Amino acid sequence: MEIYYSSTRGKESHVTASQAILKGLADDGGLFMPDRIPALERPLKDFASMSYQETAYEVMKLFLTDFTEEELKSCIARAYDSKFDTEEIAPLVKADGAYYLELFHGSTIAFKDMALSILPHLMTTAARKNKVEDTIVILTATSGDTGKAAMAGFADVEGTKIIVFYPKGGVSRVQELQMVTQKGDNTAVVAITGNFDDAQSGVKRIFGDKEFAVELSASGYRLSSANSINIGRLVPQIVYYVYAYAKLLAHGEIEEGEAINITVPTGNFGNILAAYFAKKLGVPVHKLICASNDNKVLFDFFQTGVYDRRREFILTTSPSMDILISSNLERLLYLAADCDSAETSRLMSELSEKGVYEITPSMKEKMKDFTGGFADQKENAEEIRHVFKDTGYLIDTHTGVASAVYRAYQKSSGDETKTVIASTASPYKFSRSVMEAVCDPCETKLPEDEFELIDRMEQLSGVAQPTAVKEIRDAAIRHNRQCTPEEMKNMVREILK
């Protein structure tokens, strides 16, 4: 059956998947949601013998119903190819009693590759389907990983341009170098003097500016988004949770029908929302454990039902989670409100105007699949050290948060359900924070030079440096623009000339 998409805020409906992917954000500022969440068409045991690409087709065809089989399979084949350094695409590693789902084997060594490798192909296919002749301008804000992954995906893709805004000083040095050295005549990177929420809010304001849209259209441009607000980002993320469950079955780690827990280090809420969609598809999931860092707005929300962004913004060693406005939570609110767009719109208005909203007890009850936890920077470092010392397995600072939250949840709840932890980045992406966690400062003085430090990490861990790190060692800086949040629209004008 055909699936159509509607805005969470009610002003748009009966939009096809390809149209929703092209637009990214609905005209009323809402996020596109399917009119129903389908069920898997095959039993999970069938997936145990499938490749990642085969699993991707079986999952994505359920949501992207206006794509032909040939179109979708072509997008999948071009996305999940030799740019990933493992045949499995998303390997499962058992360590210290949990299963780490490694989502960082793509070209930018972070989980964003899993969706952003395919989004450009979905988008250009969607443009052809809808006879779009304008140049598609991808406008996105990043807390570190989305920007590089999006640029890598869209670099030199015909008919597209991409502009990325990131918070200066709010990303790791490796993340920044990956962005500012990005090749591609259609790519642009801008540092803003603010935090990620400032960047994200600025991008949303540009998307909501109707006069600017007319101005761009007159010049042959149309805006779209590569952030996780785009349904073309969310749907590919569902795949790896189905794949993980199938691999546990294939390896004899679980019985068919046995429930698992899934722990996700969470910032913008897209990754864990994809796990929730996987559960709705039919994957047996007991608890979705939402792991936060010091910016624990989501932990507080699941505890109290009150979402309050009026708090100090803390820069941490897990920068991709340094977020106070979790955009994808709007989709969960919409589902919990029984798809009541007026109620969702009211809550989003309260967040915008007052910085806080409170959900009803009924909505909170409908979110009982989720539980929250948080780990501060000290607990994060201790977890990275513990896992490495006990098992020899090295994890990054975002996976460290998730792992620490999982241990605390397991201890407090007594829940022994087998658990998949989303490992969202290579430790090489956050080498200084990881090395500071595992090395005794009294015994070892760490090098000041980032790449000397990376060489030391390679010696310590026995894990070879990813190609993505080697490539930026001597790469030329190609992007050096900077602006304030208020200047973002004019910066877009300047880049597009």
Protein backbone atom coordinates (compact mmCIF):
# COMPACT_ATOMS: atom_id res chain seq x y z
CA MET A 1 0.00 0.00 0.00
CA GLU A 2 1.11 3.54 -0.77
CA ILE A 3 2.35 5.54 2.22
CA TYR A 4 1.91 9.31 2.29
CA TYR A 5 3.45 11.88 4.60
CA SER A 6 1.92 14.69 6.65
CA SER A 7 3.39 17.54 8.64
CA THR A 8 3.43 17.11 12.43
CA ARG A 9 1.91 20.62 12.55
CA GLY A 10 -1.01 19.91 10.25
CA LYS A 11 -0.70 22.25 7.27
CA GLU A 12 0.54 19.68 4.74
CA SER A 13 -0.71 16.18 4.02
CA HIS A 14 -0.81 13.50 1.30
CA VAL A 15 2.81 14.20 0.38
CA THR A 16 4.71 11.39 -1.34
CA ALA A 17 7.97 10.06 0.08
CA SER A 18 10.00 11.61 -2.75
CA GLN A 19 8.33 15.00 -2.22
CA ALA A 20 8.99 14.83 1.54
CA ILE A 21 12.66 13.99 0.93
CA LEU A 22 13.03 16.92 -1.48
CA LYS A 23 11.43 19.41 0.89
CA GLY A 24 13.12 18.20 4.07
CA LEU A 25 11.00 20.45 6.29
CA ALA A 26 7.27 21.07 5.85
CA ASP A 27 6.12 24.59 4.92
CA ASP A 28 4.58 25.07 8.38
CA GLY A 29 7.86 24.21 10.11
CA GLY A 30 6.71 20.70 11.00
CA LEU A 31 8.41 17.39 10.28
CA PHE A 32 7.04 14.87 7.81
CA MET A 33 5.58 11.68 9.28
CA PRO A 34 4.17 8.62 7.49
CA ASP A 35 0.40 8.18 7.69
CA ARG A 36 1.08 4.75 9.21
CA ILE A 37 4.06 2.71 10.32
CA PRO A 38 4.04 -0.51 8.31
CA ALA A 39 5.06 -3.99 9.46
CA LEU A 40 7.92 -6.06 8.10
CA GLU A 41 6.69 -8.27 5.28
CA ARG A 42 8.96 -11.20 6.17
CA PRO A 43 9.71 -12.98 9.47
CA LEU A 44 12.87 -11.80 11.21
CA LYS A 45 14.54 -15.19 10.81
CA ASP A 46 14.61 -14.53 7.04
CA PHE A 47 16.77 -11.45 7.66
CA ALA A 48 19.43 -13.52 9.45
CA SER A 49 20.93 -14.58 6.12
CA MET A 50 20.58 -11.23 4.35
CA SER A 51 23.34 -8.75 3.52
CA TYR A 52 23.07 -5.18 4.74
CA GLN A 53 22.01 -4.08 1.26
CA GLU A 54 19.25 -6.71 1.09
CA THR A 55 18.01 -5.70 4.55
CA ALA A 56 18.03 -2.05 3.52
CA TYR A 57 15.78 -2.76 0.56
CA GLU A 58 13.28 -4.79 2.61
CA VAL A 59 12.98 -2.00 5.19
CA MET A 60 13.15 1.10 3.02
CA LYS A 61 10.65 -0.10 0.41
CA LEU A 62 8.00 -0.07 3.15
CA PHE A 63 8.36 3.69 3.65
CA LEU A 64 9.50 4.97 0.25
CA THR A 65 6.58 3.57 -1.69
CA ASP A 66 6.77 5.88 -4.72
CA PHE A 67 10.32 4.70 -5.52
CA THR A 68 10.45 1.78 -7.95
CA GLU A 69 12.35 -1.38 -7.02
CA GLU A 70 15.01 -0.50 -9.59
CA GLU A 71 15.38 3.07 -8.26
CA LEU A 72 15.65 2.04 -4.63
CA LYS A 73 18.06 -0.84 -5.24
CA SER A 74 20.25 1.46 -7.33
CA CYS A 75 20.37 4.03 -4.51
CA ILE A 76 21.27 1.31 -1.99
CA ALA A 77 23.98 -0.21 -4.18
CA ARG A 78 25.65 3.17 -4.76
CA ALA A 79 25.46 4.10 -1.06
CA TYR A 80 26.65 0.94 0.67
CA ASP A 81 29.72 0.09 -1.36
CA SER A 82 33.50 0.10 -0.95
CA LYS A 83 33.44 3.45 0.90
CA PHE A 84 32.66 1.33 3.97
CA ASP A 85 35.73 -0.46 5.27
CA THR A 86 33.90 -3.63 6.40
CA GLU A 87 31.77 -5.98 4.34
CA GLU A 88 29.13 -6.07 7.09
CA ILE A 89 28.67 -2.26 6.86
CA ALA A 90 27.53 -2.25 10.53
CA PRO A 91 29.44 -4.95 12.50
CA LEU A 92 28.30 -6.13 15.93
CA VAL A 93 31.07 -6.50 18.50
CA LYS A 94 30.45 -8.31 21.78
CA ALA A 95 32.39 -6.73 24.65
CA ASP A 96 31.91 -6.56 28.40
CA GLY A 97 28.49 -8.20 28.25
CA ALA A 98 26.93 -5.92 25.64
CA TYR A 99 26.76 -5.80 21.84
CA TYR A 100 28.31 -2.68 20.29
CA LEU A 101 26.77 -1.88 16.92
CA GLU A 102 29.64 -0.19 15.06
CA LEU A 103 28.11 2.48 12.86
CA PHE A 104 31.35 4.27 12.00
CA HIS A 105 32.87 2.32 9.14
CA GLY A 106 31.93 4.80 6.42
CA SER A 107 34.01 7.51 4.82
CA THR A 108 33.71 10.00 7.70
CA ILE A 109 33.99 7.47 10.61
CA ALA A 110 30.68 8.41 12.25
CA PHE A 111 27.16 6.97 12.22
CA LYS A 112 25.85 9.82 10.05
CA ASP A 113 27.45 8.01 7.08
CA MET A 114 24.80 5.29 7.40
CA ALA A 115 22.05 7.64 6.20
CA LEU A 116 24.02 10.38 4.46
CA SER A 117 25.65 7.93 2.07
CA ILE A 118 22.23 7.24 0.56
CA LEU A 119 20.43 10.58 0.97
CA PRO A 120 22.07 12.26 -2.09
CA HIS A 121 20.97 9.34 -4.27
CA LEU A 122 17.45 9.40 -2.84
CA MET A 123 17.28 13.15 -3.35
CA THR A 124 18.52 13.24 -6.95
CA THR A 125 16.19 10.34 -7.80
CA ALA A 126 13.33 12.23 -6.12
CA ALA A 127 14.18 15.36 -8.14
CA ARG A 128 13.96 13.42 -11.39
CA LYS A 129 10.67 11.83 -10.32
CA ASN A 130 9.17 15.23 -9.55
CA LYS A 131 10.67 16.98 -12.61
CA VAL A 132 12.59 19.45 -10.46
CA GLU A 133 14.99 21.54 -12.54
CA ASP A 134 16.16 23.99 -9.85
CA THR A 135 19.51 23.44 -8.17
CA ILE A 136 18.85 21.81 -4.78
CA VAL A 137 20.66 23.68 -2.01
CA ILE A 138 21.28 21.47 1.02
CA LEU A 139 21.32 23.71 4.07
CA THR A 140 22.31 22.06 7.32
CA ALA A 141 23.54 22.73 10.85
CA THR A 142 25.95 20.29 12.45
CA SER A 143 27.24 19.52 15.91
CA GLY A 144 30.22 17.88 14.24
CA ASP A 145 29.36 14.76 12.26
CA THR A 146 26.36 15.53 10.04
CA GLY A 147 28.22 18.31 8.24
CA LYS A 148 31.16 16.25 7.05
CA ALA A 149 29.03 13.22 6.23
CA ALA A 150 26.58 15.36 4.25
CA MET A 151 29.36 17.11 2.34
CA ALA A 152 31.06 13.81 1.56
CA GLY A 153 27.76 12.48 0.24
CA PHE A 154 26.80 15.53 -1.83
CA ALA A 155 30.27 16.60 -3.03
CA ASP A 156 30.12 17.21 -6.81
CA VAL A 157 26.66 15.61 -7.09
CA GLU A 158 25.16 17.26 -10.16
CA GLY A 159 22.25 19.62 -9.52
CA THR A 160 23.09 20.18 -5.85
CA LYS A 161 24.97 22.57 -3.59
CA ILE A 162 25.57 22.11 0.12
CA ILE A 163 26.14 24.73 2.83
CA VAL A 164 27.08 23.59 6.34
CA PHE A 165 27.06 25.73 9.51
CA TYR A 166 28.96 24.53 12.58
CA PRO A 167 29.70 26.05 16.02
CA LYS A 168 33.25 27.40 16.15
CA GLY A 169 34.99 25.78 19.13
CA GLY A 170 32.12 23.34 19.58
CA VAL A 171 33.51 20.40 17.61
CA SER A 172 36.64 18.28 17.93
CA ARG A 173 39.76 19.22 15.95
CA VAL A 174 39.43 16.16 13.74
CA GLN A 175 35.77 16.98 13.07
CA GLU A 176 36.68 20.55 12.13
CA LEU A 177 39.55 19.48 9.86
CA GLN A 178 37.30 16.97 8.12
CA MET A 179 34.89 19.79 7.26
CA VAL A 180 37.25 22.63 6.35
CA THR A 181 39.34 20.41 4.05
CA GLN A 182 36.30 19.01 2.19
CA LYS A 183 36.70 18.99 -1.58
CA GLY A 184 33.91 19.60 -4.07
CA ASP A 185 33.04 22.72 -6.07
CA ASN A 186 29.50 22.63 -4.67
CA THR A 187 30.47 22.54 -0.98
CA ALA A 188 30.68 25.40 1.54
CA VAL A 189 31.37 25.40 5.28
CA VAL A 190 30.74 28.27 7.68
CA ALA A 191 31.78 28.51 11.35
CA ILE A 192 29.32 30.47 13.47
CA THR A 193 30.05 32.35 16.69
CA GLY A 194 27.55 30.41 18.77
CA ASN A 195 26.58 26.88 19.75
CA PHE A 196 24.83 24.13 17.81
CA ASP A 197 21.36 25.26 18.88
CA ASP A 198 22.15 28.73 17.48
CA ALA A 199 23.18 27.13 14.17
CA GLN A 200 20.12 24.86 14.05
CA SER A 201 17.72 27.70 14.93
CA GLY A 202 19.31 29.88 12.25
CA VAL A 203 18.85 27.20 9.62
CA LYS A 204 15.21 26.73 10.66
CA ARG A 205 14.61 30.50 10.37
CA ILE A 206 15.98 30.44 6.83
CA PHE A 207 13.72 27.53 5.91
CA GLY A 208 10.73 29.43 7.33
CA ASP A 209 11.50 32.64 5.43
CA LYS A 210 8.98 32.63 2.56
CA GLU A 211 10.31 35.83 0.97
CA PHE A 212 13.80 34.37 0.88
CA ALA A 213 12.41 31.20 -0.75
CA VAL A 214 10.90 33.33 -3.53
CA GLU A 215 14.22 35.18 -3.94
CA LEU A 216 16.10 31.88 -4.23
CA SER A 217 13.55 30.42 -6.64
CA ALA A 218 13.99 33.42 -8.95
CA SER A 219 17.68 32.52 -9.10
CA GLY A 220 16.99 28.83 -9.79
CA TYR A 221 17.54 27.46 -6.28
CA ARG A 222 15.40 25.51 -3.82
CA LEU A 223 16.32 24.63 -0.25
CA SER A 224 16.34 21.18 1.28
CA SER A 225 17.80 19.66 4.42
CA ALA A 226 20.25 16.87 5.19
CA ASN A 227 19.66 17.07 8.94
CA SER A 228 17.88 14.22 10.68
CA ILE A 229 14.65 16.20 10.32
CA ASN A 230 14.60 14.90 6.71
CA ILE A 231 12.61 11.67 6.44
CA GLY A 232 15.28 10.54 3.95
CA ARG A 233 17.70 10.51 6.90
CA LEU A 234 15.39 8.75 9.34
CA VAL A 235 14.29 5.81 7.18
CA PRO A 236 17.83 4.53 6.38
CA GLN A 237 18.64 4.59 10.11
CA ILE A 238 15.85 2.11 10.85
CA VAL A 239 17.72 -0.44 8.73
CA TYR A 240 20.67 -1.02 11.05
CA TYR A 241 18.49 -1.91 14.03
CA VAL A 242 16.67 -4.56 11.99
CA TYR A 243 20.09 -5.73 10.76
CA ALA A 244 21.50 -5.88 14.31
CA TYR A 245 18.64 -8.03 15.56
CA ALA A 246 19.01 -10.34 12.55
CA LYS A 247 22.76 -10.70 13.20
CA LEU A 248 22.11 -11.63 16.84
CA LEU A 249 19.78 -14.34 15.52
CA ALA A 250 22.34 -15.48 12.94
CA HIS A 251 25.10 -15.72 15.57
CA GLY A 252 22.88 -17.69 17.96
CA GLU A 253 23.06 -14.93 20.59
CA ILE A 254 19.25 -14.73 20.91
CA GLU A 255 16.24 -16.89 20.13
CA GLU A 256 13.68 -15.78 17.56
CA GLY A 257 11.15 -13.52 19.27
CA GLU A 258 13.48 -12.75 22.19
CA ALA A 259 13.37 -9.06 23.09
CA ILE A 260 16.48 -6.90 23.26
CA ASN A 261 17.22 -3.47 24.70
CA ILE A 262 18.77 -0.72 22.58
CA THR A 263 20.90 2.06 24.08
CA VAL A 264 21.62 5.14 22.00
CA PRO A 265 23.78 8.22 22.76
CA THR A 266 21.27 10.89 21.95
CA GLY A 267 21.36 14.52 20.86
CA ASN A 268 18.86 15.39 18.15
CA PHE A 269 16.79 12.23 18.89
CA GLY A 270 16.81 10.89 15.31
CA ASN A 271 18.93 7.80 15.94
CA ILE A 272 16.88 6.50 18.87
CA LEU A 273 13.64 7.41 17.08
CA ALA A 274 14.76 5.11 14.25
CA ALA A 275 15.11 2.33 16.84
CA TYR A 276 11.54 3.06 17.97
CA PHE A 277 10.36 2.77 14.36
CA ALA A 278 12.18 -0.57 14.14
CA LYS A 279 10.20 -1.75 17.15
CA LYS A 280 6.97 -0.59 15.48
CA LEU A 281 7.97 -2.56 12.36
CA GLY A 282 8.10 -5.73 14.45
CA VAL A 283 11.60 -5.96 15.96
CA PRO A 284 11.17 -7.25 19.55
CA VAL A 285 12.51 -4.38 21.68
CA HIS A 286 11.94 -4.22 25.43
CA LYS A 287 13.46 -0.84 26.36
CA LEU A 288 14.89 2.05 24.39
CA ILE A 289 17.51 3.59 26.66
CA CYS A 290 18.08 7.25 25.80
CA ALA A 291 21.59 8.22 26.93
CA SER A 292 22.40 11.89 27.53
CA ASN A 293 25.57 13.70 28.53
CA ASP A 294 25.74 16.75 30.85
CA ASN A 295 23.20 18.48 28.58
CA LYS A 296 20.54 16.17 29.97
CA VAL A 297 17.39 17.85 28.67
CA LEU A 298 16.09 14.53 27.30
CA PHE A 299 16.79 12.63 30.55
CA ASP A 300 14.83 15.24 32.47
CA PHE A 301 12.01 15.07 29.93
CA PHE A 302 11.55 11.31 30.23
CA GLN A 303 11.68 11.61 34.01
CA THR A 304 9.18 14.44 34.38
CA GLY A 305 7.26 14.96 31.13
CA VAL A 306 8.60 18.55 31.07
CA TYR A 307 10.91 19.66 28.28
CA ASP A 308 12.87 22.71 29.42
CA ARG A 309 15.71 24.13 27.32
CA ARG A 310 16.18 27.09 29.68
CA ARG A 311 19.46 25.90 31.13
CA GLU A 312 23.18 26.32 30.78
CA PHE A 313 24.63 24.92 27.56
CA ILE A 314 27.64 22.75 28.46
CA LEU A 315 30.47 22.00 26.04
CA THR A 316 31.55 18.40 26.66
CA THR A 317 33.86 15.71 25.35
CA SER A 318 30.87 14.25 23.45
CA PRO A 319 30.10 17.33 21.30
CA SER A 320 27.62 15.69 18.92
CA MET A 321 25.30 15.35 21.93
CA ASP A 322 25.70 18.97 23.08
CA ILE A 323 22.15 19.88 22.12
CA LEU A 324 19.29 21.47 24.06
CA ILE A 325 16.65 21.45 21.29
CA SER A 326 16.16 17.87 20.09
CA SER A 327 14.29 18.39 16.83
CA ASN A 328 13.24 14.80 16.17
CA LEU A 329 11.45 14.57 19.51
CA GLU A 330 8.61 16.39 17.73
CA ARG A 331 7.89 13.20 15.81
CA LEU A 332 7.52 11.21 19.04
CA LEU A 333 5.26 13.91 20.49
CA TYR A 334 3.07 13.65 17.39
CA LEU A 335 2.74 9.89 17.81
CA ALA A 336 2.10 10.16 21.56
CA ALA A 337 -0.61 12.75 20.88
CA ASP A 338 -2.37 10.23 18.59
CA CYS A 339 -1.20 12.22 15.54
CA ASP A 340 -2.96 15.36 16.79
CA SER A 341 -1.13 18.04 14.78
CA ALA A 342 -2.83 20.91 16.65
CA GLU A 343 -1.50 19.62 19.98
CA THR A 344 1.98 19.06 18.53
CA SER A 345 1.98 22.55 17.03
CA ARG A 346 0.92 24.03 20.39
CA LEU A 347 3.77 22.31 22.23
CA MET A 348 6.30 23.45 19.64
CA SER A 349 5.01 27.03 19.90
CA GLU A 350 5.44 26.90 23.67
CA LEU A 351 9.01 25.68 23.25
CA SER A 352 9.76 28.48 20.80
CA GLU A 353 8.09 31.23 22.82
CA LYS A 354 8.70 30.14 26.42
CA GLY A 355 11.51 27.60 26.15
CA VAL A 356 9.47 24.93 27.94
CA TYR A 357 6.44 22.66 27.53
CA GLU A 358 4.79 19.84 29.48
CA ILE A 359 3.10 16.80 27.98
CA THR A 360 -0.06 15.19 29.33
CA PRO A 361 0.01 12.04 31.52
CA SER A 362 -1.58 10.18 28.60
CA MET A 363 1.26 11.18 26.27
CA LYS A 364 3.85 10.25 28.88
CA GLU A 365 2.25 6.81 29.23
CA LYS A 366 2.56 6.29 25.47
CA MET A 367 6.32 6.90 25.75
CA LYS A 368 6.88 4.10 28.28
CA ASP A 369 9.06 2.19 25.79
CA PHE A 370 11.71 4.83 26.52
CA THR A 371 13.80 5.30 29.61
CA GLY A 372 16.50 7.90 30.11
CA GLY A 373 19.87 8.12 31.77
CA PHE A 374 22.85 10.45 31.71
CA ALA A 375 26.59 10.27 32.29
CA ASP A 376 28.72 13.28 33.06
CA GLN A 377 32.21 13.71 31.61
CA LYS A 378 33.93 11.99 34.54
CA GLU A 379 31.62 8.95 34.30
CA ASN A 380 32.11 8.89 30.54
CA ALA A 381 35.92 8.81 30.88
CA GLU A 382 35.71 6.12 33.56
CA GLU A 383 33.56 3.95 31.30
CA ILE A 384 35.93 4.30 28.34
CA ARG A 385 38.83 3.35 30.62
CA HIS A 386 36.92 0.43 32.19
CA VAL A 387 35.89 -1.12 28.87
CA PHE A 388 39.39 -0.76 27.42
CA LYS A 389 41.25 -2.07 30.48
CA ASP A 390 38.90 -5.04 30.89
CA THR A 391 38.41 -6.05 27.26
CA GLY A 392 40.92 -4.19 25.06
CA TYR A 393 37.98 -2.66 23.15
CA LEU A 394 38.32 1.10 22.60
CA ILE A 395 35.20 3.23 22.31
CA ASP A 396 34.69 6.92 21.60
CA THR A 397 33.25 9.55 23.92
CA HIS A 398 29.67 9.26 22.63
CA THR A 399 29.62 5.49 22.86
CA GLY A 400 31.15 5.93 26.32
CA VAL A 401 28.10 7.91 27.44
CA ALA A 402 25.77 5.21 26.11
CA SER A 403 27.80 2.42 27.69
CA ALA A 404 27.92 4.16 31.08
CA VAL A 405 24.17 4.84 31.00
CA TYR A 406 23.49 1.21 30.08
CA ARG A 407 25.58 -0.08 33.04
CA ALA A 408 23.78 2.28 35.43
CA TYR A 409 20.37 1.24 34.05
CA GLN A 410 21.23 -2.44 34.33
CA LYS A 411 22.42 -2.01 37.93
CA SER A 412 19.42 0.03 39.08
CA SER A 413 16.74 -1.99 37.27
CA GLY A 414 18.15 -5.51 37.46
CA ASP A 415 17.14 -5.85 33.79
CA GLU A 416 19.38 -8.51 32.23
CA THR A 417 17.88 -8.22 28.73
CA LYS A 418 20.57 -8.51 26.06
CA THR A 419 21.46 -5.02 24.90
CA VAL A 420 22.69 -3.43 21.69
CA ILE A 421 24.64 -0.20 22.22
CA ALA A 422 24.83 2.13 19.22
CA SER A 423 28.53 2.92 18.76
CA THR A 424 28.27 6.14 16.85
CA ALA A 425 31.84 7.23 16.10
CA SER A 426 35.37 5.94 15.80
CA PRO A 427 37.57 6.72 18.81
CA TYR A 428 39.97 8.30 16.31
CA LYS A 429 37.47 11.11 15.80
CA PHE A 430 37.86 12.18 19.43
CA SER A 431 41.42 11.03 20.02
CA ARG A 432 42.43 13.51 22.73
CA SER A 433 39.43 12.90 24.96
CA VAL A 434 39.70 9.13 24.49
CA MET A 435 43.44 9.05 25.20
CA GLU A 436 43.03 11.25 28.27
CA ALA A 437 40.46 8.71 29.49
CA VAL A 438 42.60 5.60 29.03
CA CYS A 439 46.10 6.92 29.82
CA ASP A 440 47.33 7.63 33.34
CA PRO A 441 48.49 11.28 33.22
CA CYS A 442 51.03 10.57 35.96
CA GLU A 443 52.73 7.97 33.77
CA THR A 444 52.25 9.38 30.27
CA LYS A 445 52.44 12.90 28.87
CA LEU A 446 50.26 13.07 25.79
CA PRO A 447 51.60 14.83 22.67
CA GLU A 448 50.20 18.29 21.91
CA ASP A 449 50.10 17.57 18.17
CA GLU A 450 46.78 15.96 17.20
CA PHE A 451 48.34 13.53 14.74
CA GLU A 452 51.15 12.45 17.05
CA LEU A 453 48.39 11.67 19.52
CA ILE A 454 46.55 9.63 16.89
CA ASP A 455 49.74 7.66 16.19
CA ARG A 456 50.00 6.95 19.91
CA MET A 457 46.40 5.74 19.94
CA GLU A 458 47.15 3.37 17.07
CA GLN A 459 50.08 1.88 19.01
CA LEU A 460 48.00 1.53 22.16
CA SER A 461 44.86 0.05 20.63
CA GLY A 462 46.31 -2.06 17.82
CA VAL A 463 43.52 -0.73 15.59
CA ALA A 464 44.74 0.85 12.36
CA GLN A 465 44.00 4.51 11.69
CA PRO A 466 41.00 4.91 9.40
CA THR A 467 41.58 6.31 5.92
CA ALA A 468 39.42 9.32 6.86
CA VAL A 469 42.05 10.37 9.42
CA LYS A 470 45.03 9.77 7.13
CA GLU A 471 43.43 11.93 4.43
CA ILE A 472 43.25 15.09 6.56
CA ARG A 473 46.83 15.03 7.86
CA ASP A 474 48.19 17.18 5.04
CA ALA A 475 45.00 18.29 3.34
CA ALA A 476 44.70 21.97 2.38
CA ILE A 477 42.21 24.17 4.24
CA ARG A 478 39.58 25.05 1.66
CA HIS A 479 36.88 26.71 3.79
CA ASN A 480 37.44 29.58 6.22
CA ARG A 481 34.17 31.51 6.32
CA GLN A 482 32.78 32.68 9.65
CA CYS A 483 29.68 34.62 10.70
CA THR A 484 27.27 35.32 13.57
CA PRO A 485 23.91 33.49 13.78
CA GLU A 486 22.21 36.72 12.62
CA GLU A 487 24.35 36.82 9.47
CA MET A 488 23.55 33.28 8.28
CA LYS A 489 20.98 34.27 5.65
CA ASN A 490 23.32 36.82 4.08
CA MET A 491 26.07 34.21 4.12
CA VAL A 492 23.82 31.88 2.08
CA ARG A 493 23.25 34.77 -0.37
CA GLU A 494 26.99 35.37 -0.65
CA ILE A 495 27.82 31.69 -1.25
CA LEU A 496 25.12 31.31 -3.91
CA LYS A 497 25.97 34.76 -5.40
